[in-house]
Each structure stands twice: as C-alpha cells, then as structure tokens.
Amino acid sequence: MPLRSLLGLTLLILSSLACGHKPESKGPARHYQLTGRVVSLNKKDRTASIDAAEIPGYMEAMKMDYPIASQAEFDSLSAGETIKAIVNVYESGDYDLSSIQKTDTAK
C-alpha cells in the first residue's frame, strides 16, 4: 500500500507541475507600421531581411532582419516584394513582424 500511495503522490505532483507550466510572456507590445522591401529570407531562423523606410517614433530607415511571427506569413513572402506590416516590440526586448500585406508583387 505505501508504494501505491507514493506512486499516486508522485503522479499528482507531476500532473500539477505540467498543468501549471505557462509559456514565457514577452510582455506587453508596442506596435509600429513598417513599409519596406523584402531583401532575403532565412528559412532556418524564420526571419526576413527588410529594407524598411523610417518608422516614425521608433527608428530611422535601415535594412534589418525581422523574425516573422506566423509560419504562413513567412511562407507567403518572396525576395523583392514590397510589404507593409506591424512591428511588435515587446517589453522583453524581443520583436517580430505580423499582419504582413504585400503592396507590390512585382520583382
């Protein structure tokens, strides 16, 4: 009987630990409108190098690598396209792009 009790207690503890695990929050985000041209894509890191126009209130025009939040949005991108998107800047210092829209599909 003590072995059963010990096993039951162990399962209860493991179960509560598994249920209590939450993914780390990146904190609240600030959102900025980005417009730019996709220079290149890195499938391994799911990032896009974007030659972006100035983002008023955030940064000057520059080429920079941006993580893409959605795999589907990443897969829809091609080098040479011009896009507009939302830059999400989190309290943690992380950032990514979302709500990507193509503004010119000509290459």
Protein backbone atom coordinates (compact mmCIF):
# COMPACT_ATOMS: atom_id res chain seq x y z
CA MET A 1 0.00 0.00 0.00
CA PRO A 2 2.76 2.58 0.75
CA LEU A 3 4.21 2.06 -2.75
CA ARG A 4 0.81 2.82 -4.30
CA SER A 5 0.48 5.95 -2.18
CA LEU A 6 3.95 7.11 -3.14
CA LEU A 7 3.24 6.46 -6.81
CA GLY A 8 -0.09 8.31 -6.58
CA LEU A 9 1.55 11.28 -4.86
CA THR A 10 4.32 11.37 -7.47
CA LEU A 11 1.78 11.36 -10.32
CA LEU A 12 -0.23 14.10 -8.62
CA ILE A 13 2.85 16.32 -8.25
CA LEU A 14 3.99 15.74 -11.84
CA SER A 15 0.48 16.41 -13.13
CA SER A 16 0.18 19.69 -11.24
CA LEU A 17 3.61 20.81 -12.47
CA ALA A 18 2.71 20.03 -16.08
CA CYS A 19 -0.62 21.85 -15.88
CA GLY A 20 0.91 24.87 -14.19
CA HIS A 21 3.55 25.42 -16.90
CA LYS A 22 2.85 28.51 -18.97
CA PRO A 23 4.94 29.75 -21.89
CA GLU A 24 7.07 32.77 -21.02
CA SER A 25 5.34 36.03 -21.80
CA LYS A 26 7.25 38.56 -23.83
CA GLY A 27 5.36 41.31 -22.00
CA PRO A 28 3.14 43.99 -23.48
CA ALA A 29 3.94 45.07 -27.01
CA ARG A 30 4.19 48.40 -28.75
CA HIS A 31 3.13 48.34 -32.40
CA TYR A 32 4.59 50.30 -35.31
CA GLN A 33 3.69 50.40 -39.01
CA LEU A 34 6.55 49.21 -41.27
CA THR A 35 6.84 49.60 -45.03
CA GLY A 36 9.74 48.14 -46.98
CA ARG A 37 11.16 45.67 -49.46
CA VAL A 38 11.99 42.04 -48.69
CA VAL A 39 15.70 41.64 -49.46
CA SER A 40 16.13 37.99 -48.45
CA LEU A 41 14.58 35.21 -46.37
CA ASN A 42 16.18 32.85 -43.85
CA LYS A 43 14.03 29.71 -43.57
CA LYS A 44 16.10 28.23 -40.73
CA ASP A 45 15.55 31.23 -38.43
CA ARG A 46 12.20 32.28 -39.99
CA THR A 47 13.48 35.82 -40.49
CA ALA A 48 13.19 38.27 -43.34
CA SER A 49 15.78 40.90 -44.16
CA ILE A 50 13.71 44.02 -44.84
CA ASP A 51 14.99 47.29 -46.31
CA ALA A 52 12.49 49.44 -44.40
CA ALA A 53 11.51 53.08 -44.59
CA GLU A 54 11.72 55.23 -41.47
CA ILE A 55 9.35 54.13 -38.72
CA PRO A 56 8.29 57.42 -37.12
CA GLY A 57 8.73 57.37 -33.37
CA TYR A 58 10.80 54.18 -33.46
CA MET A 59 13.76 54.04 -35.89
CA GLU A 60 15.31 55.56 -38.97
CA ALA A 61 15.25 53.85 -42.36
CA MET A 62 17.50 50.79 -42.43
CA LYS A 63 17.90 47.21 -43.59
CA MET A 64 17.34 44.79 -40.72
CA ASP A 65 16.39 41.15 -40.07
CA TYR A 66 12.93 40.66 -38.58
CA PRO A 67 11.53 37.43 -37.12
CA ILE A 68 8.15 36.60 -38.66
CA ALA A 69 5.50 35.63 -36.09
CA SER A 70 3.44 33.40 -38.41
CA GLN A 71 4.83 30.48 -40.41
CA ALA A 72 2.08 31.00 -43.01
CA GLU A 73 3.01 34.68 -43.45
CA PHE A 74 6.69 33.76 -43.73
CA ASP A 75 5.94 31.13 -46.37
CA SER A 76 3.98 33.66 -48.44
CA LEU A 77 6.94 36.07 -48.75
CA SER A 78 9.41 36.29 -51.62
CA ALA A 79 12.54 38.39 -52.03
CA GLY A 80 11.91 41.58 -53.98
CA GLU A 81 8.34 42.13 -52.77
CA THR A 82 7.33 45.36 -51.10
CA ILE A 83 5.26 44.97 -47.97
CA LYS A 84 3.65 46.76 -45.12
CA ALA A 85 3.47 45.08 -41.72
CA ILE A 86 3.22 45.67 -38.00
CA VAL A 87 6.44 45.62 -35.94
CA ASN A 88 5.60 44.26 -32.49
CA VAL A 89 8.17 45.40 -29.91
CA TYR A 90 7.85 43.56 -26.60
CA GLU A 91 8.80 44.68 -23.12
CA SER A 92 11.35 41.84 -23.07
CA GLY A 93 13.23 43.48 -25.96
CA ASP A 94 12.07 40.87 -28.48
CA TYR A 95 10.38 41.99 -31.69
CA ASP A 96 8.67 40.41 -34.68
CA LEU A 97 6.52 41.21 -37.70
CA SER A 98 2.84 40.40 -38.09
CA SER A 99 -0.13 41.44 -40.25
CA ILE A 100 2.06 41.36 -43.37
CA GLN A 101 0.46 42.68 -46.55
CA LYS A 102 2.06 42.76 -49.98
CA THR A 103 1.89 46.19 -51.57
CA ASP A 104 3.60 45.31 -54.87
CA THR A 105 4.24 41.77 -56.06
CA ALA A 106 6.45 42.88 -58.96
CA LYS A 107 10.04 41.70 -58.66
